[in-house]
Amino acid sequence: MNAFKAYKACVPIAWSPNLYITLVRGIPGTRRLHRRTLEALRLRKCNRTVMRWNTPTVRGMLQQVKRLVVIETEEMYKARKQKDANHCALRPPLVISHLSAPAK
């Protein structure tokens, strides 16, 4: 499964007070109405995330541009950020000894 489909989790979003919206597709080549909707959502660049309240107005805007964005609840967003942080975590340093082993 590619990353875009992994991003798209089907969960009920009506009960989450906040929505995290990430633009995952580019703006060039889209309809003017979609560009204006993304501008109203404050999404200007790919892979940028904004937080909006879960209101009927915002959900209607998201319905319009649903093929361009990914919608996450607060729990999903925090889990994804934690997973990314764990993935980029520093590993413990390697200790290499260049001294020859003592003869027995």
N, C-alpha and C. Protein backbone atom coordinates (compact mmCIF):
# COMPACT_ATOMS: atom_id res chain seq x y z
N MET A 1 0.85 -1.18 0.00
CA MET A 1 0.00 0.00 0.00
C MET A 1 0.90 1.24 0.00
N ASN A 2 0.57 2.20 -0.86
CA ASN A 2 1.41 3.38 -0.93
C ASN A 2 1.11 4.34 0.22
N ALA A 3 1.95 5.34 0.36
CA ALA A 3 1.85 6.26 1.50
C ALA A 3 0.56 7.06 1.47
N PHE A 4 0.09 7.39 0.27
CA PHE A 4 -1.13 8.20 0.17
C PHE A 4 -2.32 7.43 0.71
N LYS A 5 -2.42 6.14 0.36
CA LYS A 5 -3.54 5.33 0.84
C LYS A 5 -3.39 5.03 2.33
N ALA A 6 -2.15 4.92 2.80
CA ALA A 6 -1.95 4.70 4.23
C ALA A 6 -2.38 5.94 5.02
N TYR A 7 -2.21 7.10 4.41
CA TYR A 7 -2.63 8.36 5.03
C TYR A 7 -4.15 8.41 5.20
N LYS A 8 -4.84 7.88 4.20
CA LYS A 8 -6.30 7.98 4.15
C LYS A 8 -6.94 6.94 5.06
N ALA A 9 -7.15 7.26 6.29
CA ALA A 9 -7.80 6.34 7.22
C ALA A 9 -9.28 6.69 7.28
N CYS A 10 -10.11 5.69 7.19
CA CYS A 10 -11.56 5.93 7.21
C CYS A 10 -12.05 5.86 8.65
N VAL A 11 -12.19 6.99 9.28
CA VAL A 11 -12.72 7.05 10.65
C VAL A 11 -13.81 8.10 10.68
N PRO A 12 -14.76 7.94 11.56
CA PRO A 12 -15.79 8.99 11.68
C PRO A 12 -15.19 10.25 12.28
N ILE A 13 -15.31 11.36 11.56
CA ILE A 13 -14.69 12.61 12.01
C ILE A 13 -15.69 13.54 12.65
N ALA A 14 -16.95 13.15 12.70
CA ALA A 14 -17.98 14.07 13.20
C ALA A 14 -17.85 14.32 14.69
N TRP A 15 -17.20 13.43 15.45
CA TRP A 15 -17.17 13.57 16.90
C TRP A 15 -15.87 14.17 17.41
N SER A 16 -14.93 14.44 16.56
CA SER A 16 -13.68 15.04 16.99
C SER A 16 -13.83 16.56 16.98
N PRO A 17 -13.44 17.25 18.05
CA PRO A 17 -13.61 18.71 18.07
C PRO A 17 -12.68 19.44 17.12
N ASN A 18 -11.49 18.87 16.86
CA ASN A 18 -10.53 19.51 15.96
C ASN A 18 -10.19 18.55 14.82
N LEU A 19 -9.94 19.12 13.66
CA LEU A 19 -9.51 18.35 12.50
C LEU A 19 -8.14 18.85 12.06
N TYR A 20 -7.27 17.93 11.75
CA TYR A 20 -5.96 18.27 11.21
C TYR A 20 -5.99 17.96 9.73
N ILE A 21 -5.78 18.97 8.91
CA ILE A 21 -5.92 18.85 7.46
C ILE A 21 -4.55 19.02 6.84
N THR A 22 -4.15 18.06 6.01
CA THR A 22 -2.85 18.09 5.35
C THR A 22 -3.06 18.09 3.85
N LEU A 23 -2.41 19.01 3.16
CA LEU A 23 -2.47 19.04 1.70
C LEU A 23 -1.46 18.04 1.16
N VAL A 24 -1.93 17.04 0.42
CA VAL A 24 -1.04 15.99 -0.07
C VAL A 24 -0.90 16.00 -1.59
N ARG A 25 -1.68 16.77 -2.27
CA ARG A 25 -1.56 16.89 -3.72
C ARG A 25 -1.31 18.35 -4.08
N GLY A 26 -0.68 18.55 -5.21
CA GLY A 26 -0.30 19.90 -5.60
C GLY A 26 -1.47 20.76 -6.03
N ILE A 27 -1.30 22.06 -5.92
CA ILE A 27 -2.33 23.02 -6.29
C ILE A 27 -2.36 23.29 -7.79
N PRO A 28 -1.21 23.33 -8.49
CA PRO A 28 -1.27 23.62 -9.93
C PRO A 28 -2.12 22.60 -10.68
N GLY A 29 -2.94 23.10 -11.58
CA GLY A 29 -3.78 22.23 -12.38
C GLY A 29 -5.15 21.96 -11.77
N THR A 30 -5.42 22.53 -10.60
CA THR A 30 -6.73 22.33 -9.99
C THR A 30 -7.67 23.44 -10.41
N ARG A 31 -8.94 23.24 -10.16
CA ARG A 31 -9.93 24.25 -10.50
C ARG A 31 -9.77 25.48 -9.62
N ARG A 32 -10.21 26.60 -10.15
CA ARG A 32 -10.10 27.86 -9.40
C ARG A 32 -10.89 27.78 -8.09
N LEU A 33 -12.06 27.15 -8.12
CA LEU A 33 -12.87 27.02 -6.91
C LEU A 33 -12.13 26.22 -5.84
N HIS A 34 -11.42 25.17 -6.27
CA HIS A 34 -10.65 24.37 -5.31
C HIS A 34 -9.48 25.16 -4.76
N ARG A 35 -8.82 25.93 -5.61
CA ARG A 35 -7.71 26.76 -5.14
C ARG A 35 -8.19 27.79 -4.12
N ARG A 36 -9.35 28.37 -4.37
CA ARG A 36 -9.90 29.35 -3.43
C ARG A 36 -10.28 28.68 -2.11
N THR A 37 -10.79 27.47 -2.18
CA THR A 37 -11.15 26.74 -0.96
C THR A 37 -9.90 26.42 -0.15
N LEU A 38 -8.84 25.98 -0.81
CA LEU A 38 -7.58 25.70 -0.11
C LEU A 38 -7.00 26.96 0.50
N GLU A 39 -7.15 28.07 -0.20
CA GLU A 39 -6.67 29.34 0.33
C GLU A 39 -7.47 29.73 1.58
N ALA A 40 -8.77 29.47 1.57
CA ALA A 40 -9.59 29.77 2.74
C ALA A 40 -9.23 28.88 3.92
N LEU A 41 -8.78 27.66 3.62
CA LEU A 41 -8.35 26.74 4.68
C LEU A 41 -6.92 27.02 5.12
N ARG A 42 -6.23 27.98 4.49
CA ARG A 42 -4.85 28.36 4.78
C ARG A 42 -3.87 27.26 4.41
N LEU A 43 -4.19 26.49 3.36
CA LEU A 43 -3.28 25.47 2.86
C LEU A 43 -2.64 26.00 1.59
N ARG A 44 -1.34 26.27 1.64
CA ARG A 44 -0.67 26.87 0.49
C ARG A 44 0.39 25.97 -0.13
N LYS A 45 0.97 25.07 0.65
CA LYS A 45 2.05 24.22 0.15
C LYS A 45 1.75 22.76 0.49
N CYS A 46 2.31 21.87 -0.30
CA CYS A 46 2.13 20.44 -0.07
C CYS A 46 2.75 20.02 1.26
N ASN A 47 2.16 19.02 1.87
CA ASN A 47 2.62 18.42 3.12
C ASN A 47 2.61 19.41 4.28
N ARG A 48 1.79 20.44 4.21
CA ARG A 48 1.59 21.35 5.32
C ARG A 48 0.29 20.98 6.01
N THR A 49 0.26 21.08 7.32
CA THR A 49 -0.91 20.70 8.11
C THR A 49 -1.45 21.91 8.85
N VAL A 50 -2.77 22.05 8.84
CA VAL A 50 -3.43 23.10 9.61
C VAL A 50 -4.48 22.44 10.51
N MET A 51 -4.80 23.10 11.61
CA MET A 51 -5.84 22.61 12.51
C MET A 51 -7.05 23.52 12.39
N ARG A 52 -8.20 22.93 12.18
CA ARG A 52 -9.45 23.68 12.09
C ARG A 52 -10.48 23.04 13.00
N TRP A 53 -11.42 23.84 13.48
CA TRP A 53 -12.53 23.31 14.27
C TRP A 53 -13.42 22.47 13.38
N ASN A 54 -14.04 21.49 13.95
CA ASN A 54 -14.92 20.60 13.21
C ASN A 54 -16.31 21.22 13.16
N THR A 55 -16.55 22.05 12.16
CA THR A 55 -17.85 22.69 11.97
C THR A 55 -18.43 22.25 10.63
N PRO A 56 -19.73 22.39 10.44
CA PRO A 56 -20.32 22.03 9.15
C PRO A 56 -19.72 22.82 7.98
N THR A 57 -19.35 24.05 8.22
CA THR A 57 -18.74 24.87 7.15
C THR A 57 -17.42 24.27 6.71
N VAL A 58 -16.57 23.92 7.66
CA VAL A 58 -15.26 23.35 7.33
C VAL A 58 -15.44 21.99 6.67
N ARG A 59 -16.37 21.17 7.18
CA ARG A 59 -16.60 19.86 6.57
C ARG A 59 -17.10 19.99 5.14
N GLY A 60 -17.90 21.02 4.85
CA GLY A 60 -18.35 21.25 3.47
C GLY A 60 -17.18 21.65 2.57
N MET A 61 -16.26 22.47 3.10
CA MET A 61 -15.09 22.85 2.32
C MET A 61 -14.21 21.63 2.05
N LEU A 62 -14.08 20.76 3.05
CA LEU A 62 -13.26 19.57 2.88
C LEU A 62 -13.89 18.59 1.90
N GLN A 63 -15.20 18.55 1.87
CA GLN A 63 -15.88 17.68 0.91
C GLN A 63 -15.56 18.12 -0.53
N GLN A 64 -15.38 19.42 -0.70
CA GLN A 64 -15.08 19.96 -2.02
C GLN A 64 -13.67 19.57 -2.50
N VAL A 65 -12.71 19.53 -1.60
CA VAL A 65 -11.32 19.28 -1.98
C VAL A 65 -10.81 17.96 -1.40
N LYS A 66 -11.69 16.98 -1.22
CA LYS A 66 -11.31 15.75 -0.53
C LYS A 66 -10.24 14.95 -1.26
N ARG A 67 -10.10 15.12 -2.57
CA ARG A 67 -9.05 14.38 -3.29
C ARG A 67 -7.67 15.02 -3.15
N LEU A 68 -7.62 16.22 -2.60
CA LEU A 68 -6.35 16.94 -2.46
C LEU A 68 -5.80 16.91 -1.04
N VAL A 69 -6.65 16.58 -0.07
CA VAL A 69 -6.24 16.69 1.33
C VAL A 69 -6.44 15.37 2.06
N VAL A 70 -5.81 15.29 3.23
CA VAL A 70 -6.02 14.19 4.17
C VAL A 70 -6.54 14.79 5.46
N ILE A 71 -7.57 14.18 6.00
CA ILE A 71 -8.22 14.68 7.21
C ILE A 71 -7.93 13.71 8.34
N GLU A 72 -7.42 14.23 9.44
CA GLU A 72 -7.10 13.40 10.60
C GLU A 72 -7.73 13.99 11.85
N THR A 73 -8.06 13.11 12.78
CA THR A 73 -8.50 13.57 14.09
C THR A 73 -7.26 13.89 14.92
N GLU A 74 -7.49 14.44 16.09
CA GLU A 74 -6.36 14.82 16.95
C GLU A 74 -5.54 13.59 17.36
N GLU A 75 -6.24 12.49 17.67
CA GLU A 75 -5.54 11.28 18.09
C GLU A 75 -4.70 10.71 16.95
N MET A 76 -5.26 10.71 15.75
CA MET A 76 -4.53 10.19 14.58
C MET A 76 -3.30 11.05 14.30
N TYR A 77 -3.45 12.36 14.41
CA TYR A 77 -2.35 13.28 14.13
C TYR A 77 -1.21 13.07 15.13
N LYS A 78 -1.57 12.97 16.42
CA LYS A 78 -0.54 12.78 17.44
C LYS A 78 0.15 11.44 17.28
N ALA A 79 -0.61 10.40 16.92
CA ALA A 79 0.00 9.08 16.71
C ALA A 79 0.96 9.11 15.53
N ARG A 80 0.59 9.81 14.45
CA ARG A 80 1.46 9.89 13.28
C ARG A 80 2.73 10.67 13.61
N LYS A 81 2.60 11.77 14.35
CA LYS A 81 3.77 12.55 14.73
C LYS A 81 4.69 11.76 15.65
N GLN A 82 4.11 10.98 16.57
CA GLN A 82 4.92 10.16 17.47
C GLN A 82 5.65 9.08 16.68
N LYS A 83 4.98 8.50 15.71
CA LYS A 83 5.62 7.47 14.87
C LYS A 83 6.76 8.07 14.07
N ASP A 84 6.56 9.27 13.52
CA ASP A 84 7.63 9.94 12.78
C ASP A 84 8.80 10.28 13.70
N ALA A 85 8.50 10.72 14.91
CA ALA A 85 9.57 11.06 15.85
C ALA A 85 10.36 9.82 16.25
N ASN A 86 9.69 8.71 16.45
CA ASN A 86 10.38 7.47 16.79
C ASN A 86 11.22 6.96 15.63
N HIS A 87 10.73 7.18 14.42
CA HIS A 87 11.45 6.72 13.24
C HIS A 87 12.75 7.51 13.05
N CYS A 88 12.71 8.79 13.38
CA CYS A 88 13.88 9.66 13.19
C CYS A 88 14.76 9.73 14.44
N ALA A 89 14.44 8.95 15.44
CA ALA A 89 15.21 9.02 16.69
C ALA A 89 16.64 8.57 16.45
N LEU A 90 17.55 9.15 17.23
CA LEU A 90 18.96 8.79 17.10
C LEU A 90 19.20 7.41 17.69
N ARG A 91 19.99 6.65 17.01
CA ARG A 91 20.33 5.34 17.55
C ARG A 91 21.51 5.48 18.51
N PRO A 92 21.70 4.52 19.38
CA PRO A 92 22.84 4.62 20.30
C PRO A 92 24.15 4.57 19.52
N PRO A 93 25.17 5.23 19.99
CA PRO A 93 26.44 5.27 19.25
C PRO A 93 27.10 3.90 19.19
N LEU A 94 27.75 3.65 18.08
CA LEU A 94 28.51 2.41 17.91
C LEU A 94 29.89 2.59 18.55
N VAL A 95 30.32 1.61 19.30
CA VAL A 95 31.63 1.65 19.93
C VAL A 95 32.51 0.65 19.21
N ILE A 96 33.52 1.16 18.55
CA ILE A 96 34.42 0.31 17.79
C ILE A 96 35.81 0.41 18.40
N SER A 97 36.37 -0.72 18.71
CA SER A 97 37.71 -0.74 19.27
C SER A 97 38.67 -1.19 18.19
N HIS A 98 39.67 -0.36 17.90
CA HIS A 98 40.64 -0.67 16.87
C HIS A 98 41.88 -1.36 17.46
N LEU A 99 41.85 -1.58 18.75
CA LEU A 99 42.96 -2.27 19.38
C LEU A 99 42.85 -3.76 19.10
N SER A 100 43.96 -4.37 18.89
CA SER A 100 43.95 -5.81 18.63
C SER A 100 43.55 -6.55 19.90
N ALA A 101 42.96 -7.68 19.72
CA ALA A 101 42.51 -8.47 20.85
C ALA A 101 43.72 -9.00 21.61
N PRO A 102 43.68 -9.02 22.93
CA PRO A 102 44.83 -9.52 23.69
C PRO A 102 45.04 -11.02 23.44
N ALA A 103 46.30 -11.40 23.30
CA ALA A 103 46.62 -12.81 23.04
C ALA A 103 46.48 -13.60 24.33
N LYS A 104 46.00 -14.80 24.20
CA LYS A 104 45.81 -15.65 25.39
C LYS A 104 46.92 -16.63 25.57
